Amino acid sequence: MDGGVLVKSLEEGKWKKAGMREDFIISFVDKVAIDNVADLNRVLEYKSGGILVEGVYRNGEKGVYGIEW
């Protein structure tokens, strides 16, 4: 897989509450491809309500999370 943003550490908050764990690679936010941290920040800057985060863990497990925003 190319691109994406690796979640190295996760503190208590809405991302963890949604079920996300460390070592998750964020690939898409609301179906928009995420290649790097700049992409992630740009997409999140204008979101409100909720977001859909898709990606994969380093072990190959896929993940989809709905997060209150």
N, C-alpha and C. Protein backbone atom coordinates (compact mmCIF):
# COMPACT_ATOMS: atom_id res chain seq x y z
N MET A 1 0.85 -1.19 0.00
CA MET A 1 0.00 0.00 0.00
C MET A 1 0.88 1.24 0.00
N ASP A 2 0.57 2.17 -0.85
CA ASP A 2 1.30 3.44 -0.90
C ASP A 2 0.50 4.52 -0.19
N GLY A 3 1.22 5.46 0.42
CA GLY A 3 0.55 6.57 1.08
C GLY A 3 -0.13 6.16 2.36
N GLY A 4 -0.97 7.07 2.87
CA GLY A 4 -1.66 6.83 4.12
C GLY A 4 -0.93 7.50 5.27
N VAL A 5 -1.60 7.54 6.41
CA VAL A 5 -1.04 8.13 7.62
C VAL A 5 -1.12 7.10 8.73
N LEU A 6 0.04 6.76 9.30
CA LEU A 6 0.12 5.78 10.37
C LEU A 6 -0.20 6.42 11.72
N VAL A 7 -1.12 5.81 12.45
CA VAL A 7 -1.45 6.25 13.81
C VAL A 7 -0.46 5.55 14.74
N LYS A 8 0.53 6.30 15.21
CA LYS A 8 1.58 5.72 16.06
C LYS A 8 1.13 5.61 17.52
N SER A 9 0.44 6.63 18.00
CA SER A 9 -0.06 6.59 19.38
C SER A 9 -1.44 7.22 19.40
N LEU A 10 -2.26 6.76 20.31
CA LEU A 10 -3.64 7.19 20.37
C LEU A 10 -4.03 7.42 21.82
N GLU A 11 -4.35 8.66 22.15
CA GLU A 11 -4.77 9.00 23.51
C GLU A 11 -6.28 8.88 23.61
N GLU A 12 -6.80 8.93 24.83
CA GLU A 12 -8.25 8.88 25.03
C GLU A 12 -8.88 10.03 24.24
N GLY A 13 -9.98 9.74 23.58
CA GLY A 13 -10.67 10.76 22.79
C GLY A 13 -11.57 10.10 21.77
N LYS A 14 -12.08 10.90 20.85
CA LYS A 14 -13.10 10.41 19.91
C LYS A 14 -12.58 9.35 18.95
N TRP A 15 -11.30 9.39 18.56
CA TRP A 15 -10.76 8.38 17.66
C TRP A 15 -10.71 7.02 18.37
N LYS A 16 -10.20 7.01 19.59
CA LYS A 16 -10.11 5.76 20.36
C LYS A 16 -11.50 5.27 20.73
N LYS A 17 -12.39 6.19 21.08
CA LYS A 17 -13.77 5.83 21.43
C LYS A 17 -14.47 5.13 20.27
N ALA A 18 -14.12 5.51 19.04
CA ALA A 18 -14.71 4.89 17.85
C ALA A 18 -14.19 3.47 17.63
N GLY A 19 -13.12 3.09 18.35
CA GLY A 19 -12.59 1.74 18.25
C GLY A 19 -11.24 1.64 17.55
N MET A 20 -10.72 2.75 17.07
CA MET A 20 -9.43 2.73 16.39
C MET A 20 -8.32 2.39 17.38
N ARG A 21 -7.32 1.66 16.89
CA ARG A 21 -6.17 1.28 17.70
C ARG A 21 -4.89 1.79 17.04
N GLU A 22 -3.81 1.76 17.81
CA GLU A 22 -2.52 2.16 17.27
C GLU A 22 -2.10 1.22 16.14
N ASP A 23 -1.23 1.68 15.27
CA ASP A 23 -0.75 0.94 14.10
C ASP A 23 -1.79 0.86 12.99
N PHE A 24 -2.76 1.77 13.00
CA PHE A 24 -3.76 1.86 11.94
C PHE A 24 -3.24 2.84 10.89
N ILE A 25 -3.37 2.48 9.63
CA ILE A 25 -2.95 3.35 8.54
C ILE A 25 -4.21 3.93 7.90
N ILE A 26 -4.39 5.25 8.06
CA ILE A 26 -5.55 5.94 7.51
C ILE A 26 -5.34 6.11 6.01
N SER A 27 -6.25 5.55 5.21
CA SER A 27 -6.16 5.61 3.75
C SER A 27 -7.17 6.56 3.14
N PHE A 28 -8.37 6.63 3.76
CA PHE A 28 -9.44 7.47 3.23
C PHE A 28 -10.20 8.13 4.37
N VAL A 29 -10.63 9.36 4.16
CA VAL A 29 -11.55 10.06 5.05
C VAL A 29 -12.70 10.53 4.17
N ASP A 30 -13.90 10.05 4.44
CA ASP A 30 -15.07 10.36 3.62
C ASP A 30 -14.80 10.13 2.14
N LYS A 31 -14.17 9.00 1.84
CA LYS A 31 -13.86 8.54 0.47
C LYS A 31 -12.80 9.38 -0.24
N VAL A 32 -12.14 10.31 0.47
CA VAL A 32 -11.04 11.10 -0.10
C VAL A 32 -9.73 10.41 0.28
N ALA A 33 -8.90 10.11 -0.72
CA ALA A 33 -7.63 9.42 -0.48
C ALA A 33 -6.71 10.29 0.37
N ILE A 34 -6.06 9.64 1.34
CA ILE A 34 -5.11 10.31 2.23
C ILE A 34 -3.73 9.72 1.97
N ASP A 35 -2.81 10.56 1.48
CA ASP A 35 -1.46 10.10 1.18
C ASP A 35 -0.44 10.51 2.23
N ASN A 36 -0.74 11.58 2.99
CA ASN A 36 0.22 12.09 3.97
C ASN A 36 -0.51 12.93 5.01
N VAL A 37 0.22 13.42 6.00
CA VAL A 37 -0.39 14.20 7.08
C VAL A 37 -1.02 15.49 6.55
N ALA A 38 -0.40 16.12 5.57
CA ALA A 38 -0.96 17.35 4.99
C ALA A 38 -2.34 17.07 4.39
N ASP A 39 -2.50 15.95 3.68
CA ASP A 39 -3.81 15.57 3.13
C ASP A 39 -4.82 15.40 4.25
N LEU A 40 -4.44 14.69 5.31
CA LEU A 40 -5.34 14.44 6.42
C LEU A 40 -5.79 15.75 7.06
N ASN A 41 -4.86 16.63 7.33
CA ASN A 41 -5.20 17.92 7.94
C ASN A 41 -6.10 18.75 7.04
N ARG A 42 -5.84 18.74 5.74
CA ARG A 42 -6.64 19.51 4.79
C ARG A 42 -8.09 19.00 4.75
N VAL A 43 -8.26 17.69 4.74
CA VAL A 43 -9.61 17.11 4.70
C VAL A 43 -10.36 17.39 6.00
N LEU A 44 -9.69 17.23 7.13
CA LEU A 44 -10.35 17.40 8.43
C LEU A 44 -10.68 18.85 8.74
N GLU A 45 -9.95 19.78 8.15
CA GLU A 45 -10.13 21.21 8.45
C GLU A 45 -11.55 21.69 8.17
N TYR A 46 -12.20 21.15 7.16
CA TYR A 46 -13.51 21.63 6.75
C TYR A 46 -14.66 20.68 7.08
N LYS A 47 -14.39 19.66 7.87
CA LYS A 47 -15.43 18.69 8.20
C LYS A 47 -16.19 19.11 9.45
N SER A 48 -17.45 18.71 9.51
CA SER A 48 -18.25 18.91 10.72
C SER A 48 -19.27 17.78 10.79
N GLY A 49 -19.77 17.52 11.98
CA GLY A 49 -20.75 16.46 12.17
C GLY A 49 -20.09 15.13 12.43
N GLY A 50 -19.72 14.43 11.37
CA GLY A 50 -19.07 13.14 11.52
C GLY A 50 -18.24 12.82 10.30
N ILE A 51 -17.28 11.91 10.47
CA ILE A 51 -16.44 11.50 9.36
C ILE A 51 -16.36 9.98 9.33
N LEU A 52 -16.08 9.45 8.15
CA LEU A 52 -15.87 8.02 7.96
C LEU A 52 -14.40 7.82 7.62
N VAL A 53 -13.68 7.10 8.47
CA VAL A 53 -12.25 6.87 8.30
C VAL A 53 -12.04 5.41 7.91
N GLU A 54 -11.34 5.19 6.80
CA GLU A 54 -11.07 3.84 6.32
C GLU A 54 -9.57 3.61 6.23
N GLY A 55 -9.17 2.37 6.46
CA GLY A 55 -7.75 2.05 6.35
C GLY A 55 -7.49 0.61 6.71
N VAL A 56 -6.24 0.36 7.09
CA VAL A 56 -5.80 -1.00 7.37
C VAL A 56 -4.75 -0.97 8.47
N TYR A 57 -4.74 -2.01 9.28
CA TYR A 57 -3.70 -2.15 10.29
C TYR A 57 -2.47 -2.79 9.67
N ARG A 58 -1.34 -2.62 10.32
CA ARG A 58 -0.10 -3.19 9.79
C ARG A 58 -0.19 -4.70 9.60
N ASN A 59 -1.04 -5.36 10.38
CA ASN A 59 -1.17 -6.82 10.26
C ASN A 59 -2.11 -7.23 9.12
N GLY A 60 -2.65 -6.25 8.38
CA GLY A 60 -3.52 -6.54 7.24
C GLY A 60 -5.01 -6.43 7.54
N GLU A 61 -5.37 -6.31 8.81
CA GLU A 61 -6.77 -6.19 9.21
C GLU A 61 -7.33 -4.85 8.72
N LYS A 62 -8.46 -4.88 8.05
CA LYS A 62 -9.09 -3.65 7.57
C LYS A 62 -9.90 -3.01 8.69
N GLY A 63 -10.05 -1.69 8.61
CA GLY A 63 -10.84 -0.98 9.60
C GLY A 63 -11.63 0.16 8.99
N VAL A 64 -12.85 0.34 9.47
CA VAL A 64 -13.70 1.46 9.07
C VAL A 64 -14.30 2.02 10.35
N TYR A 65 -14.17 3.33 10.54
CA TYR A 65 -14.62 3.95 11.78
C TYR A 65 -15.43 5.20 11.49
N GLY A 66 -16.57 5.32 12.15
CA GLY A 66 -17.36 6.54 12.13
C GLY A 66 -16.98 7.35 13.35
N ILE A 67 -16.54 8.59 13.12
CA ILE A 67 -16.05 9.42 14.22
C ILE A 67 -16.82 10.73 14.27
N GLU A 68 -17.31 11.05 15.46
CA GLU A 68 -17.99 12.35 15.66
C GLU A 68 -16.98 13.45 15.44
N TRP A 69 -17.35 14.45 14.69
CA TRP A 69 -16.44 15.54 14.41
C TRP A 69 -17.12 16.81 14.74
